[in-house]
Amino acid sequence: MQTPVRSNPTVGSVSRKVMEVNPNLGVQDIIYIIRQSVMYEHGIKDGFTKTEVIDEKKALAMARATCSRG
């Protein structure tokens, strides 16, 4: 039985989508959003078996929230 392959979003693809939501974000803003959107799977955060996955929905929600700041 094969394990289904799941495609995880890349930093580049999430960065591009975040910039589409709010093109006024700076590099540090985008880095912050992506870091805050990382989930850890398959093990503990500081363990050898961790897998870091970007929660794309969370990143885009955070980017949308920056649009309402004024």
N, C-alpha and C. Protein backbone atom coordinates (compact mmCIF):
# COMPACT_ATOMS: atom_id res chain seq x y z
N MET A 1 0.83 -1.18 0.00
CA MET A 1 0.00 0.00 0.00
C MET A 1 0.88 1.25 0.00
N GLN A 2 0.63 2.14 -0.90
CA GLN A 2 1.42 3.35 -0.98
C GLN A 2 0.83 4.44 -0.10
N THR A 3 1.73 5.24 0.47
CA THR A 3 1.31 6.40 1.24
C THR A 3 0.97 7.52 0.28
N PRO A 4 -0.20 8.14 0.44
CA PRO A 4 -0.53 9.25 -0.48
C PRO A 4 0.46 10.39 -0.34
N VAL A 5 0.86 10.95 -1.45
CA VAL A 5 1.80 12.07 -1.46
C VAL A 5 1.00 13.36 -1.36
N ARG A 6 1.38 14.19 -0.40
CA ARG A 6 0.70 15.47 -0.22
C ARG A 6 1.66 16.58 -0.59
N SER A 7 1.20 17.48 -1.39
CA SER A 7 2.04 18.59 -1.80
C SER A 7 1.89 19.73 -0.79
N ASN A 8 2.99 20.12 -0.20
CA ASN A 8 2.98 21.22 0.76
C ASN A 8 3.35 22.51 0.05
N PRO A 9 2.75 23.62 0.47
CA PRO A 9 3.09 24.90 -0.17
C PRO A 9 4.54 25.29 0.10
N THR A 10 5.15 25.89 -0.87
CA THR A 10 6.54 26.34 -0.72
C THR A 10 6.55 27.78 -0.20
N VAL A 11 7.68 28.18 0.32
CA VAL A 11 7.85 29.56 0.79
C VAL A 11 7.61 30.53 -0.36
N GLY A 12 8.13 30.20 -1.52
CA GLY A 12 7.98 31.08 -2.68
C GLY A 12 6.54 31.25 -3.11
N SER A 13 5.79 30.14 -3.13
CA SER A 13 4.40 30.24 -3.58
C SER A 13 3.55 31.00 -2.57
N VAL A 14 3.80 30.79 -1.27
CA VAL A 14 3.05 31.52 -0.25
C VAL A 14 3.43 32.99 -0.27
N SER A 15 4.71 33.29 -0.43
CA SER A 15 5.16 34.68 -0.50
C SER A 15 4.48 35.41 -1.65
N ARG A 16 4.39 34.76 -2.79
CA ARG A 16 3.76 35.37 -3.96
C ARG A 16 2.29 35.66 -3.68
N LYS A 17 1.59 34.70 -3.07
CA LYS A 17 0.17 34.90 -2.78
C LYS A 17 -0.03 35.99 -1.73
N VAL A 18 0.85 36.05 -0.74
CA VAL A 18 0.77 37.09 0.29
C VAL A 18 0.95 38.46 -0.36
N MET A 19 1.90 38.57 -1.29
CA MET A 19 2.14 39.84 -1.97
C MET A 19 0.97 40.22 -2.88
N GLU A 20 0.26 39.22 -3.43
CA GLU A 20 -0.92 39.51 -4.24
C GLU A 20 -2.04 40.09 -3.37
N VAL A 21 -2.15 39.58 -2.14
CA VAL A 21 -3.17 40.09 -1.21
C VAL A 21 -2.86 41.52 -0.81
N ASN A 22 -1.59 41.78 -0.47
CA ASN A 22 -1.19 43.13 -0.06
C ASN A 22 0.20 43.45 -0.61
N PRO A 23 0.25 44.09 -1.77
CA PRO A 23 1.55 44.40 -2.39
C PRO A 23 2.37 45.43 -1.61
N ASN A 24 1.78 46.07 -0.61
CA ASN A 24 2.51 47.06 0.18
C ASN A 24 3.31 46.46 1.32
N LEU A 25 3.23 45.15 1.52
CA LEU A 25 4.00 44.51 2.59
C LEU A 25 5.49 44.52 2.26
N GLY A 26 6.30 44.74 3.26
CA GLY A 26 7.74 44.68 3.09
C GLY A 26 8.27 43.27 3.30
N VAL A 27 9.53 43.10 3.03
CA VAL A 27 10.16 41.79 3.17
C VAL A 27 10.02 41.27 4.60
N GLN A 28 10.29 42.11 5.58
CA GLN A 28 10.20 41.67 6.98
C GLN A 28 8.77 41.28 7.36
N ASP A 29 7.78 41.99 6.80
CA ASP A 29 6.38 41.65 7.06
C ASP A 29 6.06 40.25 6.52
N ILE A 30 6.52 39.98 5.32
CA ILE A 30 6.26 38.68 4.69
C ILE A 30 6.95 37.56 5.46
N ILE A 31 8.19 37.79 5.86
CA ILE A 31 8.91 36.79 6.65
C ILE A 31 8.17 36.52 7.95
N TYR A 32 7.71 37.56 8.61
CA TYR A 32 6.98 37.41 9.87
C TYR A 32 5.72 36.57 9.65
N ILE A 33 4.95 36.89 8.63
CA ILE A 33 3.72 36.17 8.34
C ILE A 33 4.00 34.69 8.10
N ILE A 34 5.01 34.40 7.31
CA ILE A 34 5.33 33.00 7.01
C ILE A 34 5.80 32.27 8.26
N ARG A 35 6.66 32.90 9.05
CA ARG A 35 7.13 32.24 10.28
C ARG A 35 5.98 31.97 11.25
N GLN A 36 5.03 32.89 11.32
CA GLN A 36 3.90 32.70 12.23
C GLN A 36 2.92 31.65 11.70
N SER A 37 3.04 31.29 10.44
CA SER A 37 2.12 30.35 9.81
C SER A 37 2.66 28.92 9.74
N VAL A 38 3.84 28.69 10.29
CA VAL A 38 4.45 27.36 10.22
C VAL A 38 3.82 26.43 11.25
N MET A 39 3.48 25.22 10.80
CA MET A 39 3.00 24.16 11.69
C MET A 39 4.07 23.07 11.71
N TYR A 40 4.13 22.35 12.80
CA TYR A 40 5.08 21.25 12.91
C TYR A 40 4.31 19.94 12.92
N GLU A 41 4.71 19.04 12.04
CA GLU A 41 4.05 17.74 11.93
C GLU A 41 5.06 16.63 12.17
N HIS A 42 4.56 15.48 12.54
CA HIS A 42 5.38 14.27 12.66
C HIS A 42 6.50 14.39 13.66
N GLY A 43 6.20 14.83 14.84
CA GLY A 43 7.23 14.88 15.87
C GLY A 43 7.21 16.18 16.64
N ILE A 44 8.13 16.29 17.54
CA ILE A 44 8.20 17.48 18.37
C ILE A 44 8.94 18.59 17.65
N LYS A 45 8.73 19.79 18.08
CA LYS A 45 9.28 20.96 17.41
C LYS A 45 10.80 20.91 17.30
N ASP A 46 11.49 20.46 18.33
CA ASP A 46 12.95 20.45 18.30
C ASP A 46 13.52 19.06 18.02
N GLY A 47 12.68 18.12 17.60
CA GLY A 47 13.12 16.76 17.34
C GLY A 47 13.64 16.58 15.93
N PHE A 48 14.20 15.42 15.68
CA PHE A 48 14.77 15.13 14.37
C PHE A 48 13.70 14.76 13.35
N THR A 49 12.52 14.39 13.82
CA THR A 49 11.50 13.92 12.89
C THR A 49 10.49 14.98 12.50
N LYS A 50 10.76 16.21 12.85
CA LYS A 50 9.78 17.26 12.56
C LYS A 50 9.69 17.56 11.07
N THR A 51 8.54 17.98 10.68
CA THR A 51 8.31 18.48 9.33
C THR A 51 7.64 19.83 9.49
N GLU A 52 8.23 20.83 8.92
CA GLU A 52 7.64 22.16 8.98
C GLU A 52 6.79 22.37 7.74
N VAL A 53 5.55 22.76 7.96
CA VAL A 53 4.61 22.97 6.86
C VAL A 53 3.98 24.34 7.04
N ILE A 54 3.93 25.10 5.97
CA ILE A 54 3.30 26.43 6.03
C ILE A 54 1.80 26.26 5.91
N ASP A 55 1.08 26.83 6.85
CA ASP A 55 -0.39 26.87 6.80
C ASP A 55 -0.75 28.05 5.90
N GLU A 56 -0.98 27.75 4.64
CA GLU A 56 -1.22 28.79 3.64
C GLU A 56 -2.46 29.62 3.97
N LYS A 57 -3.51 28.97 4.44
CA LYS A 57 -4.74 29.70 4.79
C LYS A 57 -4.47 30.71 5.89
N LYS A 58 -3.69 30.32 6.88
CA LYS A 58 -3.36 31.24 7.98
C LYS A 58 -2.53 32.41 7.46
N ALA A 59 -1.55 32.13 6.61
CA ALA A 59 -0.70 33.19 6.06
C ALA A 59 -1.53 34.19 5.26
N LEU A 60 -2.45 33.70 4.46
CA LEU A 60 -3.27 34.61 3.65
C LEU A 60 -4.24 35.39 4.53
N ALA A 61 -4.75 34.77 5.58
CA ALA A 61 -5.62 35.50 6.51
C ALA A 61 -4.84 36.61 7.20
N MET A 62 -3.60 36.33 7.59
CA MET A 62 -2.77 37.36 8.22
C MET A 62 -2.49 38.49 7.24
N ALA A 63 -2.25 38.15 5.97
CA ALA A 63 -2.00 39.19 4.95
C ALA A 63 -3.25 40.05 4.75
N ARG A 64 -4.42 39.40 4.72
CA ARG A 64 -5.67 40.16 4.56
C ARG A 64 -5.88 41.10 5.73
N ALA A 65 -5.51 40.66 6.92
CA ALA A 65 -5.67 41.49 8.13
C ALA A 65 -4.82 42.76 8.04
N THR A 66 -3.70 42.70 7.32
CA THR A 66 -2.86 43.89 7.19
C THR A 66 -3.49 44.93 6.27
N CYS A 67 -4.42 44.50 5.43
CA CYS A 67 -5.09 45.44 4.51
C CYS A 67 -6.04 46.36 5.27
N SER A 68 -6.54 45.90 6.39
CA SER A 68 -7.51 46.71 7.14
C SER A 68 -6.83 47.67 8.11
N ARG A 69 -5.51 47.56 8.23
CA ARG A 69 -4.80 48.50 9.11
C ARG A 69 -4.75 49.86 8.42
N GLY A 70 -4.90 50.88 9.20
CA GLY A 70 -4.85 52.17 8.55
C GLY A 70 -4.34 53.17 9.42
